[in-house]
Amino acid sequence: MPALLSLAKAQPERNLEPGEVLVEQGSPGGDLYILESGRLDIGRDGIAVTTLDQPGSLIGEMSVLLGVPSSATVRASGYARVRVIAGARELLREDAELTFELAALVAARLNSTTALLVSLAREHPGESERSLLGRILSAIHLPGTDPDDPTPSPWGMVGPTGM
């Protein structure tokens, strides 16, 4: 993540007051934010998802990469400062190093999420096929096939391997 922060040093800063909303769920999106300092709370559909406090943490990548509205609300839990990459989609097309760093971060998140889900499935053998865990594993392998998820799959109704 520090690599992203160093790549964004030339981008404008935005200072946030405690409680200020950086991104509102459902807003058009399209910008990337990289945390320089402070703490940001992430929530989706009124549910607290996570807190980001590591410099270099990335916000807004799903909206930018998928071309969909913002999937979560991001709010400063104290004073915070971010770098703003406005119109990030165009910049990603032009800046291979930034694009690679973003792709590596997204892949690392998916890898960690999948490893956690596999660990949970091992803790509860035989339950994953018919449980919430099974639904999550299926959604990761076949994005866009969850009827509760309006995000279209980039692969249509099959996974990236054609299965």
C-alpha atoms as a PDB file:
ATOM      1  CA  MET A   1       0.000   0.000   0.000  1.00  0.00           C
ATOM      2  CA  PRO A   2       2.841   2.468   0.546  1.00  0.00           C
ATOM      3  CA  ALA A   3       3.559   2.175  -3.197  1.00  0.00           C
ATOM      4  CA  LEU A   4       0.079   3.503  -3.964  1.00  0.00           C
ATOM      5  CA  LEU A   5       0.610   6.406  -1.607  1.00  0.00           C
ATOM      6  CA  SER A   6       3.906   7.338  -3.226  1.00  0.00           C
ATOM      7  CA  LEU A   7       2.312   7.078  -6.700  1.00  0.00           C
ATOM      8  CA  ALA A   8      -0.462   9.443  -5.587  1.00  0.00           C
ATOM      9  CA  LYS A   9       1.779  12.136  -4.016  1.00  0.00           C
ATOM     10  CA  ALA A  10       1.152  14.453  -6.982  1.00  0.00           C
ATOM     11  CA  GLN A  11      -2.628  14.169  -6.560  1.00  0.00           C
ATOM     12  CA  PRO A  12      -4.639  16.760  -4.616  1.00  0.00           C
ATOM     13  CA  GLU A  13      -5.228  16.327  -0.888  1.00  0.00           C
ATOM     14  CA  ARG A  14      -8.577  16.387   0.851  1.00  0.00           C
ATOM     15  CA  ASN A  15      -8.816  16.951   4.585  1.00  0.00           C
ATOM     16  CA  LEU A  16     -11.801  15.437   6.372  1.00  0.00           C
ATOM     17  CA  GLU A  17     -13.375  16.554   9.627  1.00  0.00           C
ATOM     18  CA  PRO A  18     -14.563  13.963  12.160  1.00  0.00           C
ATOM     19  CA  GLY A  19     -17.829  12.442  10.913  1.00  0.00           C
ATOM     20  CA  GLU A  20     -17.470  13.873   7.403  1.00  0.00           C
ATOM     21  CA  VAL A  21     -18.565  11.570   4.587  1.00  0.00           C
ATOM     22  CA  LEU A  22     -15.959  10.943   1.903  1.00  0.00           C
ATOM     23  CA  VAL A  23     -18.080   8.577  -0.219  1.00  0.00           C
ATOM     24  CA  GLU A  24     -21.820   8.011  -0.013  1.00  0.00           C
ATOM     25  CA  GLN A  25     -23.189   4.562  -0.910  1.00  0.00           C
ATOM     26  CA  GLY A  26     -25.039   4.786  -4.224  1.00  0.00           C
ATOM     27  CA  SER A  27     -23.205   7.894  -5.416  1.00  0.00           C
ATOM     28  CA  PRO A  28     -21.813   7.767  -8.971  1.00  0.00           C
ATOM     29  CA  GLY A  29     -18.238   7.043  -7.898  1.00  0.00           C
ATOM     30  CA  GLY A  30     -15.360   7.185 -10.344  1.00  0.00           C
ATOM     31  CA  ASP A  31     -12.709   8.636  -8.047  1.00  0.00           C
ATOM     32  CA  LEU A  32     -10.055   6.807  -6.058  1.00  0.00           C
ATOM     33  CA  TYR A  33      -8.935   7.898  -2.615  1.00  0.00           C
ATOM     34  CA  ILE A  34      -5.741   6.902  -0.862  1.00  0.00           C
ATOM     35  CA  LEU A  35      -5.567   7.377   2.885  1.00  0.00           C
ATOM     36  CA  GLU A  36      -2.594   9.438   4.050  1.00  0.00           C
ATOM     37  CA  SER A  37      -3.533   9.750   7.688  1.00  0.00           C
ATOM     38  CA  GLY A  38      -6.449   9.270  10.041  1.00  0.00           C
ATOM     39  CA  ARG A  39      -9.147   6.663  10.236  1.00  0.00           C
ATOM     40  CA  LEU A  40     -12.077   5.891   7.941  1.00  0.00           C
ATOM     41  CA  ASP A  41     -15.132   3.789   8.783  1.00  0.00           C
ATOM     42  CA  ILE A  42     -16.700   1.771   5.951  1.00  0.00           C
ATOM     43  CA  GLY A  43     -20.339   0.710   6.025  1.00  0.00           C
ATOM     44  CA  ARG A  44     -22.698  -0.882   3.540  1.00  0.00           C
ATOM     45  CA  ASP A  45     -26.477  -0.892   3.835  1.00  0.00           C
ATOM     46  CA  GLY A  46     -26.162   0.420   7.403  1.00  0.00           C
ATOM     47  CA  ILE A  47     -23.814  -2.398   8.469  1.00  0.00           C
ATOM     48  CA  ALA A  48     -20.291  -1.556   9.679  1.00  0.00           C
ATOM     49  CA  VAL A  49     -17.861  -3.417   7.410  1.00  0.00           C
ATOM     50  CA  THR A  50     -14.378  -2.296   8.407  1.00  0.00           C
ATOM     51  CA  THR A  51     -12.156   0.550   9.524  1.00  0.00           C
ATOM     52  CA  LEU A  52      -9.158   1.724   7.531  1.00  0.00           C
ATOM     53  CA  ASP A  53      -6.268   3.352   9.361  1.00  0.00           C
ATOM     54  CA  GLN A  54      -3.191   2.258   7.405  1.00  0.00           C
ATOM     55  CA  PRO A  55      -1.584   4.945   5.243  1.00  0.00           C
ATOM     56  CA  GLY A  56      -1.901   3.863   1.622  1.00  0.00           C
ATOM     57  CA  SER A  57      -5.318   2.211   2.101  1.00  0.00           C
ATOM     58  CA  LEU A  58      -7.383   2.438  -1.062  1.00  0.00           C
ATOM     59  CA  ILE A  59     -11.009   3.568  -1.295  1.00  0.00           C
ATOM     60  CA  GLY A  60     -13.297   3.576  -4.343  1.00  0.00           C
ATOM     61  CA  GLU A  61     -11.658   0.852  -6.441  1.00  0.00           C
ATOM     62  CA  MET A  62     -14.789  -1.279  -6.914  1.00  0.00           C
ATOM     63  CA  SER A  63     -16.748   1.652  -8.291  1.00  0.00           C
ATOM     64  CA  VAL A  64     -13.912   2.656 -10.599  1.00  0.00           C
ATOM     65  CA  LEU A  65     -13.055  -0.829 -11.879  1.00  0.00           C
ATOM     66  CA  LEU A  66     -16.628  -2.085 -12.252  1.00  0.00           C
ATOM     67  CA  GLY A  67     -18.102   1.213 -13.471  1.00  0.00           C
ATOM     68  CA  VAL A  68     -20.910   1.012 -10.895  1.00  0.00           C
ATOM     69  CA  PRO A  69     -22.104   3.373  -8.145  1.00  0.00           C
ATOM     70  CA  SER A  70     -20.253   3.371  -4.846  1.00  0.00           C
ATOM     71  CA  SER A  71     -21.030   0.209  -2.883  1.00  0.00           C
ATOM     72  CA  ALA A  72     -20.365   1.636   0.588  1.00  0.00           C
ATOM     73  CA  THR A  73     -20.348   4.795   2.674  1.00  0.00           C
ATOM     74  CA  VAL A  74     -16.954   5.965   3.881  1.00  0.00           C
ATOM     75  CA  ARG A  75     -16.861   8.350   6.844  1.00  0.00           C
ATOM     76  CA  ALA A  76     -13.970   9.883   8.782  1.00  0.00           C
ATOM     77  CA  SER A  77     -14.000   8.722  12.397  1.00  0.00           C
ATOM     78  CA  GLY A  78     -11.585  11.517  13.299  1.00  0.00           C
ATOM     79  CA  TYR A  79      -9.513  13.970  11.337  1.00  0.00           C
ATOM     80  CA  ALA A  80      -8.277  12.294   8.159  1.00  0.00           C
ATOM     81  CA  ARG A  81      -6.413  13.195   4.986  1.00  0.00           C
ATOM     82  CA  VAL A  82      -6.673  11.436   1.638  1.00  0.00           C
ATOM     83  CA  ARG A  83      -5.182  11.888  -1.805  1.00  0.00           C
ATOM     84  CA  VAL A  84      -7.854  12.181  -4.497  1.00  0.00           C
ATOM     85  CA  ILE A  85      -7.469  10.644  -7.938  1.00  0.00           C
ATOM     86  CA  ALA A  86     -10.396  12.198  -9.815  1.00  0.00           C
ATOM     87  CA  GLY A  87     -11.563  10.440 -12.970  1.00  0.00           C
ATOM     88  CA  ALA A  88      -9.451   7.449 -11.991  1.00  0.00           C
ATOM     89  CA  ARG A  89     -10.584   5.210 -14.843  1.00  0.00           C
ATOM     90  CA  GLU A  90      -8.839   7.388 -17.414  1.00  0.00           C
ATOM     91  CA  LEU A  91      -5.680   7.688 -15.328  1.00  0.00           C
ATOM     92  CA  LEU A  92      -5.555   3.903 -14.886  1.00  0.00           C
ATOM     93  CA  ARG A  93      -5.637   3.491 -18.673  1.00  0.00           C
ATOM     94  CA  GLU A  94      -2.609   5.774 -18.955  1.00  0.00           C
ATOM     95  CA  ASP A  95      -0.526   4.808 -15.902  1.00  0.00           C
ATOM     96  CA  ALA A  96       0.584   1.172 -16.003  1.00  0.00           C
ATOM     97  CA  GLU A  97       2.424   1.333 -12.669  1.00  0.00           C
ATOM     98  CA  LEU A  98      -0.623   2.682 -10.821  1.00  0.00           C
ATOM     99  CA  THR A  99      -2.848   0.125 -12.531  1.00  0.00           C
ATOM    100  CA  PHE A 100      -0.539  -2.723 -11.566  1.00  0.00           C
ATOM    101  CA  GLU A 101      -0.408  -1.605  -7.919  1.00  0.00           C
ATOM    102  CA  LEU A 102      -4.195  -1.357  -7.808  1.00  0.00           C
ATOM    103  CA  ALA A 103      -4.571  -4.801  -9.402  1.00  0.00           C
ATOM    104  CA  ALA A 104      -2.105  -6.287  -6.907  1.00  0.00           C
ATOM    105  CA  LEU A 105      -4.050  -4.807  -3.999  1.00  0.00           C
ATOM    106  CA  VAL A 106      -7.390  -6.102  -5.291  1.00  0.00           C
ATOM    107  CA  ALA A 107      -5.877  -9.553  -5.901  1.00  0.00           C
ATOM    108  CA  ALA A 108      -4.390  -9.605  -2.371  1.00  0.00           C
ATOM    109  CA  ARG A 109      -7.805  -8.746  -0.891  1.00  0.00           C
ATOM    110  CA  LEU A 110      -9.468 -11.524  -2.882  1.00  0.00           C
ATOM    111  CA  ASN A 111      -6.737 -13.969  -1.870  1.00  0.00           C
ATOM    112  CA  SER A 112      -7.169 -13.109   1.827  1.00  0.00           C
ATOM    113  CA  THR A 113     -10.957 -13.327   1.605  1.00  0.00           C
ATOM    114  CA  THR A 114     -10.851 -16.687  -0.156  1.00  0.00           C
ATOM    115  CA  ALA A 115      -8.324 -18.077   2.355  1.00  0.00           C
ATOM    116  CA  LEU A 116     -10.563 -16.999   5.228  1.00  0.00           C
ATOM    117  CA  LEU A 117     -13.610 -18.603   3.627  1.00  0.00           C
ATOM    118  CA  VAL A 118     -11.738 -21.862   3.008  1.00  0.00           C
ATOM    119  CA  SER A 119     -10.631 -21.861   6.640  1.00  0.00           C
ATOM    120  CA  LEU A 120     -14.241 -21.359   7.771  1.00  0.00           C
ATOM    121  CA  ALA A 121     -15.426 -24.136   5.455  1.00  0.00           C
ATOM    122  CA  ARG A 122     -12.855 -26.504   7.016  1.00  0.00           C
ATOM    123  CA  GLU A 123     -14.101 -25.591  10.489  1.00  0.00           C
ATOM    124  CA  HIS A 124     -17.644 -26.496   9.429  1.00  0.00           C
ATOM    125  CA  PRO A 125     -17.298 -29.484   7.056  1.00  0.00           C
ATOM    126  CA  GLY A 126     -20.387 -30.431   5.086  1.00  0.00           C
ATOM    127  CA  GLU A 127     -22.160 -27.189   5.915  1.00  0.00           C
ATOM    128  CA  SER A 128     -20.730 -24.982   3.184  1.00  0.00           C
ATOM    129  CA  GLU A 129     -22.892 -26.335   0.371  1.00  0.00           C
ATOM    130  CA  ARG A 130     -26.159 -25.184   1.907  1.00  0.00           C
ATOM    131  CA  SER A 131     -25.129 -22.312   4.148  1.00  0.00           C
ATOM    132  CA  LEU A 132     -24.320 -18.651   3.945  1.00  0.00           C
ATOM    133  CA  LEU A 133     -20.686 -19.705   3.637  1.00  0.00           C
ATOM    134  CA  GLY A 134     -21.532 -21.694   0.515  1.00  0.00           C
ATOM    135  CA  ARG A 135     -23.302 -18.707  -1.004  1.00  0.00           C
ATOM    136  CA  ILE A 136     -20.260 -16.523  -0.345  1.00  0.00           C
ATOM    137  CA  LEU A 137     -17.855 -19.052  -1.869  1.00  0.00           C
ATOM    138  CA  SER A 138     -20.087 -19.330  -4.935  1.00  0.00           C
ATOM    139  CA  ALA A 139     -20.288 -15.562  -5.299  1.00  0.00           C
ATOM    140  CA  ILE A 140     -16.489 -15.267  -5.241  1.00  0.00           C
ATOM    141  CA  HIS A 141     -16.032 -17.907  -7.931  1.00  0.00           C
ATOM    142  CA  LEU A 142     -18.916 -16.793 -10.117  1.00  0.00           C
ATOM    143  CA  PRO A 143     -19.270 -13.026  -9.697  1.00  0.00           C
ATOM    144  CA  GLY A 144     -22.576 -11.609 -10.821  1.00  0.00           C
ATOM    145  CA  THR A 145     -24.554 -14.826 -10.286  1.00  0.00           C
ATOM    146  CA  ASP A 146     -25.886 -13.910  -6.824  1.00  0.00           C
ATOM    147  CA  PRO A 147     -29.523 -12.845  -7.312  1.00  0.00           C
ATOM    148  CA  ASP A 148     -29.124 -10.376  -4.433  1.00  0.00           C
ATOM    149  CA  ASP A 149     -26.111  -8.730  -6.132  1.00  0.00           C
ATOM    150  CA  PRO A 150     -26.999  -6.372  -9.022  1.00  0.00           C
ATOM    151  CA  THR A 151     -23.354  -6.126 -10.122  1.00  0.00           C
ATOM    152  CA  PRO A 152     -23.040  -7.714 -13.569  1.00  0.00           C
ATOM    153  CA  SER A 153     -20.396 -10.356 -14.011  1.00  0.00           C
ATOM    154  CA  PRO A 154     -17.660  -9.498 -16.500  1.00  0.00           C
ATOM    155  CA  TRP A 155     -17.958 -13.148 -17.635  1.00  0.00           C
ATOM    156  CA  GLY A 156     -21.716 -13.284 -18.117  1.00  0.00           C
ATOM    157  CA  MET A 157     -23.329 -16.268 -16.377  1.00  0.00           C
ATOM    158  CA  VAL A 158     -20.159 -18.348 -16.165  1.00  0.00           C
ATOM    159  CA  GLY A 159     -16.899 -17.948 -14.314  1.00  0.00           C
ATOM    160  CA  PRO A 160     -13.600 -16.820 -15.804  1.00  0.00           C
ATOM    161  CA  THR A 161     -12.616 -20.405 -16.595  1.00  0.00           C
ATOM    162  CA  GLY A 162     -15.778 -21.033 -18.599  1.00  0.00           C
ATOM    163  CA  MET A 163     -17.241 -23.405 -16.023  1.00  0.00           C
END
